[in-house]
Amino acid sequence: MGDLFSIQHLLVLLLIVVLVFGTKKLRNIGSDLGGAVKSFKEGMKGADSDEAPEKKALDQADPSVTVVSAQSVHDKTTS
């Protein structure tokens, strides 16, 4: 079968794609793809930073204060 992805094959494929879609549409597709990747990265950073303020608040809390969840209080009162 030979070298399927040789440089000549890729250049011919690129020429066909440019002829079919045109350069303007390819430019729009490229910018849309870049915007999607950028928003995905920002979303991943946002997911990490959403958890950070809660953790910082707990880390900065007075160590002498014990945080008790409502579930554990309920368990202690029903026992």
N, C-alpha and C. Protein backbone atom coordinates (compact mmCIF):
# COMPACT_ATOMS: atom_id res chain seq x y z
N MET A 1 0.82 -1.18 0.00
CA MET A 1 0.00 0.00 0.00
C MET A 1 0.88 1.25 0.00
N GLY A 2 2.06 1.14 0.50
CA GLY A 2 2.98 2.26 0.44
C GLY A 2 2.77 3.26 1.56
N ASP A 3 3.35 4.41 1.34
CA ASP A 3 3.26 5.48 2.33
C ASP A 3 2.00 6.29 2.07
N LEU A 4 0.95 6.01 2.83
CA LEU A 4 -0.35 6.63 2.62
C LEU A 4 -0.34 8.11 2.98
N PHE A 5 0.42 8.50 3.99
CA PHE A 5 0.44 9.88 4.43
C PHE A 5 1.73 10.58 4.02
N SER A 6 2.13 10.43 2.79
CA SER A 6 3.32 11.12 2.31
C SER A 6 2.98 12.60 2.10
N ILE A 7 3.98 13.41 1.95
CA ILE A 7 3.78 14.85 1.81
C ILE A 7 3.01 15.18 0.54
N GLN A 8 3.21 14.39 -0.53
CA GLN A 8 2.48 14.64 -1.77
C GLN A 8 0.98 14.38 -1.59
N HIS A 9 0.64 13.31 -0.89
CA HIS A 9 -0.76 13.00 -0.64
C HIS A 9 -1.43 14.09 0.20
N LEU A 10 -0.72 14.56 1.21
CA LEU A 10 -1.27 15.59 2.08
C LEU A 10 -1.46 16.91 1.34
N LEU A 11 -0.53 17.26 0.47
CA LEU A 11 -0.67 18.49 -0.32
C LEU A 11 -1.84 18.42 -1.28
N VAL A 12 -2.03 17.28 -1.94
CA VAL A 12 -3.16 17.10 -2.84
C VAL A 12 -4.47 17.17 -2.05
N LEU A 13 -4.51 16.54 -0.91
CA LEU A 13 -5.69 16.58 -0.07
C LEU A 13 -6.00 18.01 0.40
N LEU A 14 -4.98 18.75 0.78
CA LEU A 14 -5.15 20.15 1.18
C LEU A 14 -5.66 20.99 0.02
N LEU A 15 -5.16 20.78 -1.17
CA LEU A 15 -5.62 21.51 -2.36
C LEU A 15 -7.08 21.22 -2.64
N ILE A 16 -7.49 19.97 -2.52
CA ILE A 16 -8.89 19.60 -2.75
C ILE A 16 -9.79 20.24 -1.70
N VAL A 17 -9.37 20.24 -0.45
CA VAL A 17 -10.16 20.84 0.62
C VAL A 17 -10.31 22.34 0.40
N VAL A 18 -9.24 23.01 -0.01
CA VAL A 18 -9.30 24.46 -0.28
C VAL A 18 -10.23 24.73 -1.45
N LEU A 19 -10.19 23.91 -2.48
CA LEU A 19 -11.07 24.11 -3.63
C LEU A 19 -12.54 23.89 -3.27
N VAL A 20 -12.81 22.92 -2.41
CA VAL A 20 -14.19 22.62 -2.05
C VAL A 20 -14.75 23.66 -1.10
N PHE A 21 -14.03 23.98 -0.05
CA PHE A 21 -14.55 24.87 0.98
C PHE A 21 -14.20 26.33 0.78
N GLY A 22 -13.09 26.62 0.17
CA GLY A 22 -12.64 28.00 0.02
C GLY A 22 -11.85 28.44 1.24
N THR A 23 -11.03 29.46 1.05
CA THR A 23 -10.16 29.88 2.15
C THR A 23 -10.92 30.61 3.25
N LYS A 24 -11.98 31.34 2.90
CA LYS A 24 -12.72 32.08 3.92
C LYS A 24 -13.41 31.13 4.89
N LYS A 25 -14.03 30.10 4.37
CA LYS A 25 -14.72 29.14 5.25
C LYS A 25 -13.71 28.37 6.10
N LEU A 26 -12.56 28.03 5.54
CA LEU A 26 -11.53 27.34 6.31
C LEU A 26 -10.99 28.24 7.43
N ARG A 27 -10.86 29.54 7.16
CA ARG A 27 -10.41 30.48 8.17
C ARG A 27 -11.43 30.54 9.31
N ASN A 28 -12.72 30.56 8.96
CA ASN A 28 -13.77 30.60 9.97
C ASN A 28 -13.78 29.32 10.81
N ILE A 29 -13.59 28.19 10.15
CA ILE A 29 -13.54 26.91 10.87
C ILE A 29 -12.36 26.91 11.84
N GLY A 30 -11.22 27.42 11.40
CA GLY A 30 -10.04 27.48 12.26
C GLY A 30 -10.25 28.37 13.46
N SER A 31 -10.86 29.53 13.26
CA SER A 31 -11.09 30.43 14.40
C SER A 31 -12.15 29.86 15.33
N ASP A 32 -13.16 29.19 14.80
CA ASP A 32 -14.18 28.56 15.65
C ASP A 32 -13.56 27.44 16.49
N LEU A 33 -12.69 26.66 15.87
CA LEU A 33 -12.03 25.58 16.59
C LEU A 33 -11.11 26.14 17.68
N GLY A 34 -10.39 27.20 17.36
CA GLY A 34 -9.52 27.84 18.35
C GLY A 34 -10.31 28.41 19.51
N GLY A 35 -11.46 29.02 19.21
CA GLY A 35 -12.32 29.56 20.27
C GLY A 35 -12.88 28.47 21.16
N ALA A 36 -13.22 27.33 20.54
CA ALA A 36 -13.75 26.21 21.32
C ALA A 36 -12.69 25.66 22.27
N VAL A 37 -11.47 25.54 21.79
CA VAL A 37 -10.38 25.04 22.64
C VAL A 37 -10.11 26.02 23.77
N LYS A 38 -10.12 27.33 23.46
CA LYS A 38 -9.87 28.34 24.48
C LYS A 38 -10.95 28.32 25.56
N SER A 39 -12.22 28.23 25.15
CA SER A 39 -13.30 28.21 26.14
C SER A 39 -13.27 26.91 26.96
N PHE A 40 -12.86 25.82 26.35
CA PHE A 40 -12.72 24.56 27.10
C PHE A 40 -11.65 24.69 28.18
N LYS A 41 -10.51 25.30 27.82
CA LYS A 41 -9.43 25.48 28.80
C LYS A 41 -9.88 26.39 29.93
N GLU A 42 -10.61 27.48 29.60
CA GLU A 42 -11.11 28.38 30.63
C GLU A 42 -12.13 27.68 31.52
N GLY A 43 -12.94 26.82 30.93
CA GLY A 43 -13.91 26.06 31.71
C GLY A 43 -13.25 25.10 32.67
N MET A 44 -12.16 24.49 32.23
CA MET A 44 -11.43 23.58 33.11
C MET A 44 -10.78 24.35 34.25
N LYS A 45 -10.27 25.55 33.97
CA LYS A 45 -9.69 26.38 35.03
C LYS A 45 -10.78 26.82 35.99
N GLY A 46 -11.96 27.12 35.47
CA GLY A 46 -13.08 27.54 36.29
C GLY A 46 -13.56 26.43 37.21
N ALA A 47 -13.52 25.20 36.73
CA ALA A 47 -13.94 24.07 37.56
C ALA A 47 -12.98 23.89 38.74
N ASP A 48 -11.71 24.12 38.50
CA ASP A 48 -10.73 24.02 39.58
C ASP A 48 -10.88 25.17 40.56
N SER A 49 -11.15 26.37 40.07
CA SER A 49 -11.24 27.53 40.94
C SER A 49 -12.56 27.57 41.69
N ASP A 50 -13.60 26.86 41.23
CA ASP A 50 -14.87 26.80 41.96
C ASP A 50 -14.70 26.11 43.30
N GLU A 51 -13.86 25.11 43.36
CA GLU A 51 -13.64 24.37 44.59
C GLU A 51 -12.65 25.11 45.51
N ALA A 52 -11.81 25.93 44.94
CA ALA A 52 -10.76 26.58 45.71
C ALA A 52 -11.27 27.52 46.80
N PRO A 53 -12.28 28.39 46.57
CA PRO A 53 -12.71 29.30 47.65
C PRO A 53 -13.23 28.56 48.88
N GLU A 54 -13.94 27.47 48.69
CA GLU A 54 -14.44 26.71 49.83
C GLU A 54 -13.28 26.11 50.63
N LYS A 55 -12.31 25.59 49.91
CA LYS A 55 -11.17 24.99 50.58
C LYS A 55 -10.35 26.05 51.30
N LYS A 56 -10.19 27.23 50.68
CA LYS A 56 -9.45 28.30 51.33
C LYS A 56 -10.16 28.76 52.60
N ALA A 57 -11.48 28.83 52.54
CA ALA A 57 -12.25 29.26 53.72
C ALA A 57 -12.08 28.26 54.86
N LEU A 58 -12.07 26.98 54.53
CA LEU A 58 -11.88 25.97 55.57
C LEU A 58 -10.45 25.99 56.11
N ASP A 59 -9.48 26.25 55.23
CA ASP A 59 -8.09 26.30 55.67
C ASP A 59 -7.83 27.50 56.56
N GLN A 60 -8.53 28.61 56.33
CA GLN A 60 -8.31 29.83 57.09
C GLN A 60 -9.14 29.87 58.37
N ALA A 61 -10.01 28.91 58.57
CA ALA A 61 -10.87 28.90 59.75
C ALA A 61 -10.05 28.71 61.01
N ASP A 62 -10.62 29.13 62.13
CA ASP A 62 -9.97 28.98 63.43
C ASP A 62 -9.83 27.50 63.74
N PRO A 63 -8.62 27.02 64.03
CA PRO A 63 -8.44 25.59 64.28
C PRO A 63 -9.15 25.10 65.53
N SER A 64 -9.50 26.00 66.44
CA SER A 64 -10.19 25.56 67.64
C SER A 64 -11.67 25.30 67.39
N VAL A 65 -12.19 25.75 66.24
CA VAL A 65 -13.59 25.54 65.90
C VAL A 65 -13.71 24.25 65.12
N THR A 66 -14.62 23.38 65.52
CA THR A 66 -14.84 22.12 64.83
C THR A 66 -16.08 22.25 63.96
N VAL A 67 -15.92 21.91 62.68
CA VAL A 67 -17.05 21.97 61.76
C VAL A 67 -17.77 20.64 61.81
N VAL A 68 -19.07 20.68 62.06
CA VAL A 68 -19.87 19.48 62.17
C VAL A 68 -20.95 19.55 61.10
N SER A 69 -21.11 18.48 60.35
CA SER A 69 -22.13 18.47 59.31
C SER A 69 -23.49 18.20 59.92
N ALA A 70 -24.54 18.57 59.22
CA ALA A 70 -25.90 18.37 59.70
C ALA A 70 -26.21 16.88 59.81
N GLN A 71 -25.64 16.07 58.95
CA GLN A 71 -25.89 14.64 58.98
C GLN A 71 -25.35 14.04 60.27
N SER A 72 -24.16 14.44 60.69
CA SER A 72 -23.59 13.85 61.90
C SER A 72 -24.36 14.30 63.13
N VAL A 73 -24.88 15.54 63.13
CA VAL A 73 -25.68 16.00 64.25
C VAL A 73 -26.96 15.20 64.32
N HIS A 74 -27.57 14.95 63.17
CA HIS A 74 -28.80 14.17 63.13
C HIS A 74 -28.55 12.75 63.63
N ASP A 75 -27.43 12.16 63.25
CA ASP A 75 -27.11 10.80 63.69
C ASP A 75 -26.91 10.74 65.19
N LYS A 76 -26.31 11.76 65.78
CA LYS A 76 -26.06 11.76 67.22
C LYS A 76 -27.35 11.95 68.01
N THR A 77 -28.30 12.73 67.47
CA THR A 77 -29.54 12.97 68.20
C THR A 77 -30.49 11.78 68.10
N THR A 78 -30.40 10.97 67.08
CA THR A 78 -31.30 9.82 66.93
C THR A 78 -30.76 8.60 67.65
N SER A 79 -29.53 8.62 68.07
CA SER A 79 -28.95 7.44 68.74
C SER A 79 -29.35 7.34 70.17
